[in-house]
Amino acid sequence: MRRPAPARFPIVRLPPLRLVVVAVLALVVGLSVHRAVSSAAAAAAALGETRRVAVAQRFIAVGDEIQPADVSMVERPIAHVPDTAVVEDPTGRTVRVAVPAGEILITDRLAGEDRSGAAALVPAGWRAVAVPTIDAAAPVEPGDLVDVIASYDPSLTGTEPSQVIARDSVVVDVADDAVTVAVTPSRATAIAHALTNGVVTLALVG
């Protein structure tokens, strides 16, 4: 009797190891990208809508006029945007309060569009009063806060020799012969009286 022929099985050729490694790496990268995209989409959805606001690209000092390179209009999540954020290009506006780099600009830190120089640093409704440097020798700069102190001869006034007549006044200009401070109207009158009848000094508020 003839023996049956041995069974034949197809020969399976395994792919080279290099191809296996490349395929595995491609799968891993694809999964990582998918997860990153999904996470970003989830984060964006969690933050909700955005608003285009002005963001400082560098430190902007008090009294500086904003230049095109100083700010960028950037989309930020509404949840992180202040109610008074600047939403239009502020180029040309004067800064009343220093703005750190990366901070969203707010309207309270900018002067009115029609103001520049020292006048731009005077809050609306306030008055600017010049105090001669002979009476107000103090190492101050525009934007600093100072207390205005009046000193009188107690024998003539019957009051304390020195008293603060204007707290947290804003320095708006420093010249060789005077320091100009912004104060409320009533404080402006008190400073004028002190300049006429006593000695006025400025104390830097820390």
N, C-alpha and C. Protein backbone atom coordinates (compact mmCIF):
# COMPACT_ATOMS: atom_id res chain seq x y z
N MET A 1 0.84 -1.19 0.00
CA MET A 1 0.00 0.00 0.00
C MET A 1 0.89 1.24 0.00
N ARG A 2 0.34 2.19 -0.69
CA ARG A 2 1.11 3.45 -0.74
C ARG A 2 0.75 4.30 0.47
N ARG A 3 1.77 4.86 1.07
CA ARG A 3 1.53 5.75 2.21
C ARG A 3 0.95 7.08 1.73
N PRO A 4 0.01 7.63 2.54
CA PRO A 4 -0.57 8.93 2.14
C PRO A 4 0.50 10.01 2.16
N ALA A 5 0.34 10.92 1.25
CA ALA A 5 1.31 12.04 1.19
C ALA A 5 1.19 12.90 2.44
N PRO A 6 2.28 13.36 2.95
CA PRO A 6 2.22 14.23 4.17
C PRO A 6 1.43 15.51 3.88
N ALA A 7 0.72 15.99 4.92
CA ALA A 7 -0.09 17.21 4.77
C ALA A 7 0.81 18.40 4.50
N ARG A 8 0.33 19.28 3.64
CA ARG A 8 1.10 20.48 3.30
C ARG A 8 0.47 21.71 3.99
N PHE A 9 1.25 22.51 4.61
CA PHE A 9 0.77 23.73 5.27
C PHE A 9 1.41 24.94 4.60
N PRO A 10 0.60 26.02 4.48
CA PRO A 10 1.18 27.23 3.85
C PRO A 10 2.33 27.79 4.68
N ILE A 11 3.27 28.29 4.00
CA ILE A 11 4.43 28.89 4.70
C ILE A 11 4.11 30.36 5.00
N VAL A 12 4.12 30.69 6.27
CA VAL A 12 3.84 32.07 6.70
C VAL A 12 5.16 32.79 6.91
N ARG A 13 5.33 33.87 6.17
CA ARG A 13 6.56 34.65 6.31
C ARG A 13 6.30 35.83 7.25
N LEU A 14 6.97 35.88 8.36
CA LEU A 14 6.81 36.98 9.32
C LEU A 14 7.51 38.23 8.79
N PRO A 15 6.90 39.40 9.03
CA PRO A 15 7.53 40.63 8.57
C PRO A 15 8.82 40.89 9.33
N PRO A 16 9.72 41.58 8.70
CA PRO A 16 10.99 41.89 9.39
C PRO A 16 10.73 42.63 10.70
N LEU A 17 11.61 42.45 11.67
CA LEU A 17 11.47 43.08 12.98
C LEU A 17 11.38 44.60 12.87
N ARG A 18 12.07 45.18 11.91
CA ARG A 18 12.06 46.64 11.74
C ARG A 18 10.64 47.14 11.43
N LEU A 19 9.92 46.41 10.57
CA LEU A 19 8.57 46.82 10.22
C LEU A 19 7.64 46.73 11.42
N VAL A 20 7.84 45.71 12.24
CA VAL A 20 7.02 45.56 13.44
C VAL A 20 7.22 46.74 14.39
N VAL A 21 8.47 47.10 14.58
CA VAL A 21 8.79 48.22 15.48
C VAL A 21 8.18 49.52 14.96
N VAL A 22 8.30 49.76 13.65
CA VAL A 22 7.74 50.98 13.05
C VAL A 22 6.23 51.01 13.23
N ALA A 23 5.57 49.89 13.01
CA ALA A 23 4.12 49.84 13.15
C ALA A 23 3.68 50.12 14.58
N VAL A 24 4.40 49.53 15.55
CA VAL A 24 4.07 49.75 16.96
C VAL A 24 4.26 51.21 17.33
N LEU A 25 5.38 51.79 16.89
CA LEU A 25 5.63 53.20 17.19
C LEU A 25 4.56 54.11 16.58
N ALA A 26 4.15 53.80 15.34
CA ALA A 26 3.11 54.60 14.70
C ALA A 26 1.81 54.52 15.48
N LEU A 27 1.50 53.33 15.98
CA LEU A 27 0.27 53.17 16.76
C LEU A 27 0.34 53.97 18.06
N VAL A 28 1.49 53.91 18.72
CA VAL A 28 1.66 54.64 19.98
C VAL A 28 1.55 56.15 19.76
N VAL A 29 2.22 56.64 18.71
CA VAL A 29 2.16 58.08 18.40
C VAL A 29 0.74 58.49 18.06
N GLY A 30 0.07 57.68 17.28
CA GLY A 30 -1.31 58.01 16.92
C GLY A 30 -2.21 58.10 18.13
N LEU A 31 -2.06 57.17 19.07
CA LEU A 31 -2.87 57.20 20.29
C LEU A 31 -2.53 58.43 21.13
N SER A 32 -1.24 58.80 21.20
CA SER A 32 -0.84 59.98 21.98
C SER A 32 -1.43 61.25 21.40
N VAL A 33 -1.36 61.39 20.07
CA VAL A 33 -1.91 62.57 19.41
C VAL A 33 -3.42 62.64 19.63
N HIS A 34 -4.08 61.50 19.52
CA HIS A 34 -5.52 61.48 19.71
C HIS A 34 -5.89 61.93 21.13
N ARG A 35 -5.14 61.43 22.12
CA ARG A 35 -5.41 61.81 23.50
C ARG A 35 -5.15 63.30 23.72
N ALA A 36 -4.05 63.82 23.13
CA ALA A 36 -3.74 65.24 23.30
C ALA A 36 -4.81 66.11 22.68
N VAL A 37 -5.27 65.75 21.49
CA VAL A 37 -6.32 66.53 20.82
C VAL A 37 -7.61 66.47 21.62
N SER A 38 -7.92 65.29 22.13
CA SER A 38 -9.14 65.13 22.92
C SER A 38 -9.07 65.96 24.20
N SER A 39 -7.88 65.95 24.85
CA SER A 39 -7.71 66.73 26.08
C SER A 39 -7.84 68.22 25.81
N ALA A 40 -7.23 68.69 24.71
CA ALA A 40 -7.31 70.11 24.36
C ALA A 40 -8.75 70.51 24.06
N ALA A 41 -9.45 69.66 23.35
CA ALA A 41 -10.84 69.96 23.03
C ALA A 41 -11.69 70.00 24.30
N ALA A 42 -11.40 69.06 25.22
CA ALA A 42 -12.16 69.03 26.47
C ALA A 42 -11.87 70.27 27.30
N ALA A 43 -10.58 70.69 27.32
CA ALA A 43 -10.22 71.90 28.09
C ALA A 43 -10.89 73.12 27.50
N ALA A 44 -10.90 73.23 26.17
CA ALA A 44 -11.53 74.37 25.52
C ALA A 44 -13.02 74.39 25.80
N ALA A 45 -13.63 73.22 25.77
CA ALA A 45 -15.06 73.15 26.05
C ALA A 45 -15.36 73.54 27.49
N ALA A 46 -14.45 73.15 28.41
CA ALA A 46 -14.66 73.48 29.82
C ALA A 46 -14.54 74.97 30.07
N LEU A 47 -13.63 75.63 29.34
CA LEU A 47 -13.43 77.07 29.53
C LEU A 47 -14.54 77.88 28.88
N GLY A 48 -15.16 77.34 27.88
CA GLY A 48 -16.27 78.04 27.24
C GLY A 48 -15.82 79.07 26.23
N GLU A 49 -16.66 80.11 26.04
CA GLU A 49 -16.39 81.12 25.02
C GLU A 49 -15.16 81.96 25.36
N THR A 50 -14.61 82.59 24.34
CA THR A 50 -13.44 83.45 24.52
C THR A 50 -13.78 84.88 24.10
N ARG A 51 -12.92 85.80 24.50
CA ARG A 51 -13.08 87.20 24.12
C ARG A 51 -11.71 87.74 23.72
N ARG A 52 -11.70 88.60 22.72
CA ARG A 52 -10.44 89.19 22.24
C ARG A 52 -10.12 90.41 23.09
N VAL A 53 -8.98 90.38 23.78
CA VAL A 53 -8.61 91.45 24.70
C VAL A 53 -7.16 91.88 24.45
N ALA A 54 -6.81 93.06 24.97
CA ALA A 54 -5.45 93.58 24.84
C ALA A 54 -4.59 93.04 25.98
N VAL A 55 -3.44 92.45 25.62
CA VAL A 55 -2.52 91.88 26.60
C VAL A 55 -1.15 92.53 26.43
N ALA A 56 -0.56 92.98 27.55
CA ALA A 56 0.76 93.63 27.50
C ALA A 56 1.83 92.62 27.11
N GLN A 57 2.67 92.98 26.15
CA GLN A 57 3.78 92.14 25.71
C GLN A 57 5.07 92.48 26.43
N ARG A 58 5.08 93.57 27.16
CA ARG A 58 6.25 93.97 27.96
C ARG A 58 5.74 94.80 29.12
N PHE A 59 6.63 95.10 30.06
CA PHE A 59 6.25 95.99 31.16
C PHE A 59 6.01 97.39 30.60
N ILE A 60 4.87 97.98 30.92
CA ILE A 60 4.54 99.33 30.45
C ILE A 60 4.50 100.24 31.67
N ALA A 61 5.38 101.22 31.70
CA ALA A 61 5.52 102.09 32.87
C ALA A 61 4.46 103.19 32.88
N VAL A 62 4.28 103.76 34.06
CA VAL A 62 3.36 104.89 34.22
C VAL A 62 3.78 106.04 33.31
N GLY A 63 2.83 106.60 32.60
CA GLY A 63 3.09 107.73 31.73
C GLY A 63 3.50 107.35 30.32
N ASP A 64 3.76 106.05 30.08
CA ASP A 64 4.13 105.62 28.72
C ASP A 64 2.92 105.68 27.79
N GLU A 65 3.17 106.07 26.56
CA GLU A 65 2.14 106.02 25.52
C GLU A 65 2.28 104.67 24.82
N ILE A 66 1.21 103.91 24.78
CA ILE A 66 1.26 102.55 24.25
C ILE A 66 1.60 102.55 22.77
N GLN A 67 2.61 101.75 22.42
CA GLN A 67 3.03 101.59 21.03
C GLN A 67 2.50 100.26 20.48
N PRO A 68 2.43 100.11 19.15
CA PRO A 68 1.90 98.87 18.57
C PRO A 68 2.56 97.60 19.10
N ALA A 69 3.88 97.66 19.37
CA ALA A 69 4.59 96.46 19.83
C ALA A 69 4.38 96.17 21.31
N ASP A 70 3.76 97.10 22.03
CA ASP A 70 3.59 96.93 23.47
C ASP A 70 2.47 95.96 23.82
N VAL A 71 1.49 95.81 22.95
CA VAL A 71 0.33 94.97 23.27
C VAL A 71 -0.04 94.08 22.08
N SER A 72 -0.76 93.03 22.37
CA SER A 72 -1.32 92.16 21.33
C SER A 72 -2.78 91.89 21.68
N MET A 73 -3.60 91.75 20.65
CA MET A 73 -4.99 91.39 20.86
C MET A 73 -5.07 89.87 20.86
N VAL A 74 -5.46 89.29 21.99
CA VAL A 74 -5.40 87.85 22.19
C VAL A 74 -6.76 87.31 22.63
N GLU A 75 -7.10 86.10 22.17
CA GLU A 75 -8.32 85.44 22.61
C GLU A 75 -8.08 84.82 23.99
N ARG A 76 -8.91 85.17 24.96
CA ARG A 76 -8.81 84.62 26.30
C ARG A 76 -10.19 84.12 26.74
N PRO A 77 -10.23 83.04 27.55
CA PRO A 77 -11.52 82.54 28.04
C PRO A 77 -12.26 83.63 28.80
N ILE A 78 -13.55 83.78 28.53
CA ILE A 78 -14.34 84.83 29.18
C ILE A 78 -14.26 84.70 30.69
N ALA A 79 -14.18 83.47 31.19
CA ALA A 79 -14.12 83.26 32.64
C ALA A 79 -12.89 83.90 33.26
N HIS A 80 -11.85 84.15 32.46
CA HIS A 80 -10.60 84.73 32.97
C HIS A 80 -10.42 86.19 32.57
N VAL A 81 -11.44 86.79 31.98
CA VAL A 81 -11.35 88.17 31.49
C VAL A 81 -12.07 89.11 32.44
N PRO A 82 -11.38 90.16 32.96
CA PRO A 82 -12.04 91.14 33.84
C PRO A 82 -13.16 91.88 33.08
N ASP A 83 -14.14 92.34 33.85
CA ASP A 83 -15.26 93.06 33.23
C ASP A 83 -14.81 94.33 32.52
N THR A 84 -13.74 94.95 33.02
CA THR A 84 -13.27 96.22 32.45
C THR A 84 -12.09 96.03 31.49
N ALA A 85 -11.92 94.81 30.97
CA ALA A 85 -10.80 94.54 30.06
C ALA A 85 -10.92 95.41 28.80
N VAL A 86 -9.77 95.82 28.27
CA VAL A 86 -9.72 96.61 27.04
C VAL A 86 -9.91 95.66 25.85
N VAL A 87 -10.94 95.90 25.06
CA VAL A 87 -11.27 94.99 23.96
C VAL A 87 -10.98 95.61 22.59
N GLU A 88 -10.47 96.82 22.58
CA GLU A 88 -10.08 97.46 21.32
C GLU A 88 -8.62 97.86 21.40
N ASP A 89 -7.98 98.00 20.26
CA ASP A 89 -6.56 98.33 20.20
C ASP A 89 -6.29 99.63 20.97
N PRO A 90 -5.47 99.58 22.06
CA PRO A 90 -5.22 100.77 22.88
C PRO A 90 -4.02 101.60 22.43
N THR A 91 -3.49 101.33 21.25
CA THR A 91 -2.31 102.07 20.78
C THR A 91 -2.56 103.58 20.85
N GLY A 92 -1.59 104.30 21.43
CA GLY A 92 -1.70 105.75 21.55
C GLY A 92 -2.24 106.21 22.89
N ARG A 93 -2.84 105.29 23.67
CA ARG A 93 -3.36 105.66 24.98
C ARG A 93 -2.21 105.75 25.99
N THR A 94 -2.36 106.57 27.01
CA THR A 94 -1.35 106.73 28.05
C THR A 94 -1.70 105.87 29.26
N VAL A 95 -0.69 105.22 29.83
CA VAL A 95 -0.88 104.34 30.98
C VAL A 95 -0.83 105.13 32.28
N ARG A 96 -1.88 105.00 33.10
CA ARG A 96 -1.93 105.70 34.39
C ARG A 96 -1.37 104.87 35.52
N VAL A 97 -1.45 103.54 35.39
CA VAL A 97 -0.92 102.61 36.39
C VAL A 97 -0.08 101.57 35.66
N ALA A 98 1.11 101.29 36.17
CA ALA A 98 2.03 100.36 35.50
C ALA A 98 1.35 99.02 35.20
N VAL A 99 1.69 98.45 34.04
CA VAL A 99 1.10 97.18 33.60
C VAL A 99 2.22 96.15 33.41
N PRO A 100 2.22 95.04 34.16
CA PRO A 100 3.25 94.01 33.97
C PRO A 100 3.07 93.27 32.65
N ALA A 101 4.15 92.70 32.16
CA ALA A 101 4.09 91.92 30.92
C ALA A 101 3.16 90.72 31.12
N GLY A 102 2.34 90.44 30.11
CA GLY A 102 1.44 89.30 30.17
C GLY A 102 0.10 89.58 30.80
N GLU A 103 -0.09 90.79 31.32
CA GLU A 103 -1.35 91.11 32.00
C GLU A 103 -2.37 91.71 31.02
N ILE A 104 -3.63 91.37 31.24
CA ILE A 104 -4.71 91.95 30.44
C ILE A 104 -4.89 93.41 30.85
N LEU A 105 -4.95 94.31 29.87
CA LEU A 105 -5.16 95.72 30.17
C LEU A 105 -6.60 95.95 30.58
N ILE A 106 -6.79 96.82 31.57
CA ILE A 106 -8.14 97.21 31.97
C ILE A 106 -8.27 98.72 31.81
N THR A 107 -9.50 99.16 31.60
CA THR A 107 -9.73 100.57 31.29
C THR A 107 -9.28 101.50 32.41
N ASP A 108 -9.36 101.05 33.68
CA ASP A 108 -8.99 101.91 34.80
C ASP A 108 -7.52 102.29 34.79
N ARG A 109 -6.69 101.52 34.07
CA ARG A 109 -5.26 101.81 34.05
C ARG A 109 -4.86 102.71 32.89
N LEU A 110 -5.82 103.09 32.07
CA LEU A 110 -5.52 103.93 30.92
C LEU A 110 -6.16 105.29 31.07
N ALA A 111 -5.46 106.30 30.56
CA ALA A 111 -6.03 107.66 30.56
C ALA A 111 -7.04 107.77 29.42
N GLY A 112 -7.83 108.83 29.49
CA GLY A 112 -8.78 109.08 28.41
C GLY A 112 -8.06 109.28 27.10
N GLU A 113 -8.76 109.00 26.01
CA GLU A 113 -8.13 109.09 24.70
C GLU A 113 -7.69 110.50 24.34
N ASP A 114 -8.28 111.51 25.01
CA ASP A 114 -7.95 112.90 24.68
C ASP A 114 -6.90 113.48 25.63
N ARG A 115 -6.27 112.63 26.45
CA ARG A 115 -5.30 113.13 27.42
C ARG A 115 -3.92 112.52 27.18
N SER A 116 -2.90 113.34 27.49
CA SER A 116 -1.53 112.87 27.37
C SER A 116 -0.67 113.62 28.38
N GLY A 117 0.56 113.17 28.57
CA GLY A 117 1.46 113.82 29.51
C GLY A 117 0.96 113.73 30.94
N ALA A 118 1.29 114.75 31.75
CA ALA A 118 0.90 114.75 33.16
C ALA A 118 -0.62 114.73 33.33
N ALA A 119 -1.33 115.41 32.43
CA ALA A 119 -2.79 115.46 32.54
C ALA A 119 -3.41 114.08 32.43
N ALA A 120 -2.75 113.17 31.71
CA ALA A 120 -3.28 111.82 31.54
C ALA A 120 -3.26 111.02 32.84
N LEU A 121 -2.42 111.44 33.79
CA LEU A 121 -2.30 110.70 35.05
C LEU A 121 -3.24 111.21 36.13
N VAL A 122 -3.94 112.29 35.85
CA VAL A 122 -4.86 112.86 36.84
C VAL A 122 -6.21 112.15 36.73
N PRO A 123 -6.67 111.46 37.79
CA PRO A 123 -7.97 110.79 37.73
C PRO A 123 -9.09 111.78 37.43
N ALA A 124 -10.12 111.31 36.80
CA ALA A 124 -11.25 112.17 36.44
C ALA A 124 -11.83 112.85 37.68
N GLY A 125 -12.01 114.17 37.60
CA GLY A 125 -12.59 114.93 38.70
C GLY A 125 -11.58 115.41 39.73
N TRP A 126 -10.33 114.96 39.64
CA TRP A 126 -9.30 115.38 40.59
C TRP A 126 -8.61 116.65 40.09
N ARG A 127 -7.71 117.18 40.92
CA ARG A 127 -6.95 118.38 40.57
C ARG A 127 -5.46 118.10 40.72
N ALA A 128 -4.66 118.78 39.92
CA ALA A 128 -3.20 118.65 40.01
C ALA A 128 -2.64 119.89 40.69
N VAL A 129 -1.82 119.69 41.74
CA VAL A 129 -1.24 120.79 42.50
C VAL A 129 0.28 120.62 42.53
N ALA A 130 1.00 121.68 42.21
CA ALA A 130 2.46 121.64 42.22
C ALA A 130 2.98 122.04 43.60
N VAL A 131 3.83 121.20 44.17
CA VAL A 131 4.45 121.48 45.46
C VAL A 131 5.92 121.77 45.20
N PRO A 132 6.40 122.98 45.52
CA PRO A 132 7.80 123.34 45.27
C PRO A 132 8.75 122.34 45.91
N THR A 133 9.81 121.99 45.22
CA THR A 133 10.74 120.99 45.74
C THR A 133 11.50 121.49 46.96
N ILE A 134 11.53 122.79 47.18
CA ILE A 134 12.19 123.30 48.39
C ILE A 134 11.45 122.81 49.62
N ASP A 135 10.13 122.55 49.45
CA ASP A 135 9.33 122.02 50.55
C ASP A 135 9.09 120.53 50.41
N ALA A 136 9.29 119.98 49.22
CA ALA A 136 8.87 118.60 48.97
C ALA A 136 10.00 117.72 48.43
N ALA A 137 11.16 117.81 49.07
CA ALA A 137 12.28 116.99 48.62
C ALA A 137 11.99 115.53 48.94
N ALA A 138 11.64 114.75 47.91
CA ALA A 138 11.33 113.33 48.11
C ALA A 138 11.69 112.58 46.84
N PRO A 139 12.29 111.38 46.96
CA PRO A 139 12.68 110.59 45.77
C PRO A 139 11.46 109.90 45.17
N VAL A 140 10.69 110.63 44.42
CA VAL A 140 9.44 110.09 43.88
C VAL A 140 9.46 110.09 42.35
N GLU A 141 8.57 109.29 41.76
CA GLU A 141 8.42 109.20 40.32
C GLU A 141 6.94 109.25 39.99
N PRO A 142 6.60 109.61 38.74
CA PRO A 142 5.19 109.60 38.35
C PRO A 142 4.57 108.23 38.61
N GLY A 143 3.37 108.26 39.17
CA GLY A 143 2.67 107.03 39.52
C GLY A 143 2.80 106.65 40.98
N ASP A 144 3.81 107.22 41.69
CA ASP A 144 3.96 106.93 43.12
C ASP A 144 2.80 107.54 43.91
N LEU A 145 2.52 106.94 45.06
CA LEU A 145 1.54 107.50 45.98
C LEU A 145 2.28 108.17 47.13
N VAL A 146 1.82 109.35 47.51
CA VAL A 146 2.44 110.09 48.61
C VAL A 146 1.37 110.67 49.51
N ASP A 147 1.75 110.86 50.77
CA ASP A 147 0.92 111.63 51.70
C ASP A 147 1.47 113.05 51.72
N VAL A 148 0.57 114.02 51.63
CA VAL A 148 0.97 115.43 51.70
C VAL A 148 0.83 115.88 53.14
N ILE A 149 1.94 116.35 53.72
CA ILE A 149 1.97 116.74 55.13
C ILE A 149 2.18 118.24 55.24
N ALA A 150 1.33 118.88 56.03
CA ALA A 150 1.45 120.32 56.26
C ALA A 150 1.97 120.56 57.68
N SER A 151 2.93 121.47 57.80
CA SER A 151 3.48 121.83 59.12
C SER A 151 3.27 123.31 59.35
N TYR A 152 2.73 123.63 60.53
CA TYR A 152 2.44 125.03 60.88
C TYR A 152 3.11 125.38 62.20
N ASP A 153 3.20 126.67 62.45
CA ASP A 153 3.67 127.16 63.75
C ASP A 153 2.50 127.03 64.72
N PRO A 154 2.58 126.11 65.69
CA PRO A 154 1.45 125.88 66.60
C PRO A 154 1.07 127.12 67.42
N SER A 155 2.01 128.01 67.62
CA SER A 155 1.68 129.23 68.39
C SER A 155 0.74 130.14 67.61
N LEU A 156 0.71 129.97 66.29
CA LEU A 156 -0.15 130.80 65.45
C LEU A 156 -1.47 130.11 65.11
N THR A 157 -1.44 128.78 65.03
CA THR A 157 -2.64 128.05 64.60
C THR A 157 -3.36 127.37 65.75
N GLY A 158 -2.66 127.07 66.84
CA GLY A 158 -3.28 126.37 67.94
C GLY A 158 -3.60 124.93 67.61
N THR A 159 -2.97 124.36 66.59
CA THR A 159 -3.20 122.98 66.18
C THR A 159 -1.91 122.20 66.28
N GLU A 160 -1.98 120.91 65.93
CA GLU A 160 -0.78 120.08 65.90
C GLU A 160 0.21 120.69 64.91
N PRO A 161 1.51 120.61 65.21
CA PRO A 161 2.49 121.22 64.32
C PRO A 161 2.50 120.61 62.91
N SER A 162 2.23 119.31 62.80
CA SER A 162 2.21 118.66 61.49
C SER A 162 1.00 117.74 61.39
N GLN A 163 0.42 117.69 60.21
CA GLN A 163 -0.72 116.81 59.97
C GLN A 163 -0.81 116.45 58.50
N VAL A 164 -1.33 115.25 58.23
CA VAL A 164 -1.53 114.80 56.86
C VAL A 164 -2.79 115.46 56.32
N ILE A 165 -2.65 116.19 55.22
CA ILE A 165 -3.81 116.87 54.65
C ILE A 165 -4.31 116.23 53.35
N ALA A 166 -3.55 115.28 52.82
CA ALA A 166 -3.99 114.58 51.61
C ALA A 166 -3.28 113.22 51.54
N ARG A 167 -4.03 112.15 51.82
CA ARG A 167 -3.47 110.81 51.79
C ARG A 167 -3.54 110.21 50.38
N ASP A 168 -2.58 109.36 50.09
CA ASP A 168 -2.55 108.60 48.83
C ASP A 168 -2.73 109.49 47.60
N SER A 169 -2.02 110.60 47.60
CA SER A 169 -2.03 111.47 46.42
C SER A 169 -1.15 110.85 45.34
N VAL A 170 -1.50 111.08 44.08
CA VAL A 170 -0.79 110.47 42.96
C VAL A 170 0.21 111.46 42.37
N VAL A 171 1.48 111.07 42.32
CA VAL A 171 2.49 111.91 41.67
C VAL A 171 2.29 111.83 40.16
N VAL A 172 2.10 112.97 39.52
CA VAL A 172 1.86 112.99 38.08
C VAL A 172 3.00 113.64 37.31
N ASP A 173 3.88 114.36 38.01
CA ASP A 173 5.00 114.98 37.31
C ASP A 173 6.08 115.33 38.32
N VAL A 174 7.34 115.15 37.91
CA VAL A 174 8.47 115.51 38.76
C VAL A 174 9.40 116.40 37.94
N ALA A 175 9.55 117.63 38.39
CA ALA A 175 10.42 118.59 37.72
C ALA A 175 11.52 119.03 38.68
N ASP A 176 12.43 119.87 38.17
CA ASP A 176 13.53 120.33 39.01
C ASP A 176 13.04 121.21 40.15
N ASP A 177 11.95 121.95 39.91
CA ASP A 177 11.53 122.92 40.92
C ASP A 177 10.23 122.55 41.63
N ALA A 178 9.57 121.45 41.21
CA ALA A 178 8.30 121.11 41.85
C ALA A 178 7.92 119.66 41.58
N VAL A 179 7.13 119.12 42.49
CA VAL A 179 6.51 117.81 42.31
C VAL A 179 5.01 118.06 42.23
N THR A 180 4.39 117.60 41.15
CA THR A 180 2.96 117.82 40.97
C THR A 180 2.20 116.57 41.38
N VAL A 181 1.20 116.76 42.24
CA VAL A 181 0.42 115.64 42.75
C VAL A 181 -1.05 115.84 42.39
N ALA A 182 -1.75 114.72 42.18
CA ALA A 182 -3.18 114.76 41.89
C ALA A 182 -3.94 114.44 43.17
N VAL A 183 -4.91 115.32 43.50
CA VAL A 183 -5.70 115.15 44.72
C VAL A 183 -7.16 115.51 44.41
N THR A 184 -8.03 115.22 45.36
CA THR A 184 -9.43 115.61 45.21
C THR A 184 -9.54 117.13 45.33
N PRO A 185 -10.60 117.73 44.83
CA PRO A 185 -10.74 119.19 44.88
C PRO A 185 -10.60 119.78 46.28
N SER A 186 -11.19 119.13 47.29
CA SER A 186 -11.10 119.67 48.65
C SER A 186 -9.68 119.63 49.17
N ARG A 187 -8.94 118.57 48.82
CA ARG A 187 -7.55 118.46 49.25
C ARG A 187 -6.66 119.49 48.54
N ALA A 188 -7.02 119.83 47.32
CA ALA A 188 -6.26 120.84 46.58
C ALA A 188 -6.32 122.18 47.32
N THR A 189 -7.49 122.50 47.84
CA THR A 189 -7.65 123.75 48.60
C THR A 189 -6.81 123.72 49.88
N ALA A 190 -6.79 122.57 50.54
CA ALA A 190 -6.02 122.45 51.79
C ALA A 190 -4.53 122.58 51.51
N ILE A 191 -4.07 122.03 50.40
CA ILE A 191 -2.65 122.13 50.07
C ILE A 191 -2.28 123.57 49.72
N ALA A 192 -3.15 124.26 49.01
CA ALA A 192 -2.89 125.66 48.67
C ALA A 192 -2.77 126.50 49.94
N HIS A 193 -3.65 126.23 50.90
CA HIS A 193 -3.60 126.96 52.18
C HIS A 193 -2.28 126.66 52.90
N ALA A 194 -1.87 125.38 52.90
CA ALA A 194 -0.64 125.02 53.60
C ALA A 194 0.58 125.63 52.94
N LEU A 195 0.59 125.71 51.63
CA LEU A 195 1.72 126.31 50.92
C LEU A 195 1.85 127.79 51.25
N THR A 196 0.72 128.42 51.52
CA THR A 196 0.72 129.86 51.82
C THR A 196 1.08 130.14 53.27
N ASN A 197 0.65 129.24 54.19
CA ASN A 197 0.76 129.54 55.61
C ASN A 197 1.70 128.60 56.39
N GLY A 198 2.29 127.64 55.73
CA GLY A 198 3.15 126.72 56.44
C GLY A 198 4.19 126.10 55.54
N VAL A 199 4.57 124.90 55.87
CA VAL A 199 5.56 124.16 55.09
C VAL A 199 4.93 122.83 54.67
N VAL A 200 5.12 122.45 53.40
CA VAL A 200 4.53 121.22 52.89
C VAL A 200 5.63 120.24 52.52
N THR A 201 5.47 119.00 52.97
CA THR A 201 6.40 117.93 52.62
C THR A 201 5.60 116.73 52.10
N LEU A 202 6.29 115.87 51.36
CA LEU A 202 5.66 114.69 50.82
C LEU A 202 6.29 113.45 51.46
N ALA A 203 5.45 112.50 51.84
CA ALA A 203 5.92 111.25 52.39
C ALA A 203 5.51 110.12 51.45
N LEU A 204 6.51 109.39 50.94
CA LEU A 204 6.25 108.30 49.99
C LEU A 204 5.49 107.18 50.68
N VAL A 205 4.41 106.73 50.07
CA VAL A 205 3.61 105.63 50.62
C VAL A 205 4.18 104.31 50.13
N GLY A 206 4.54 103.43 51.06
CA GLY A 206 5.14 102.16 50.68
C GLY A 206 4.10 101.13 50.31
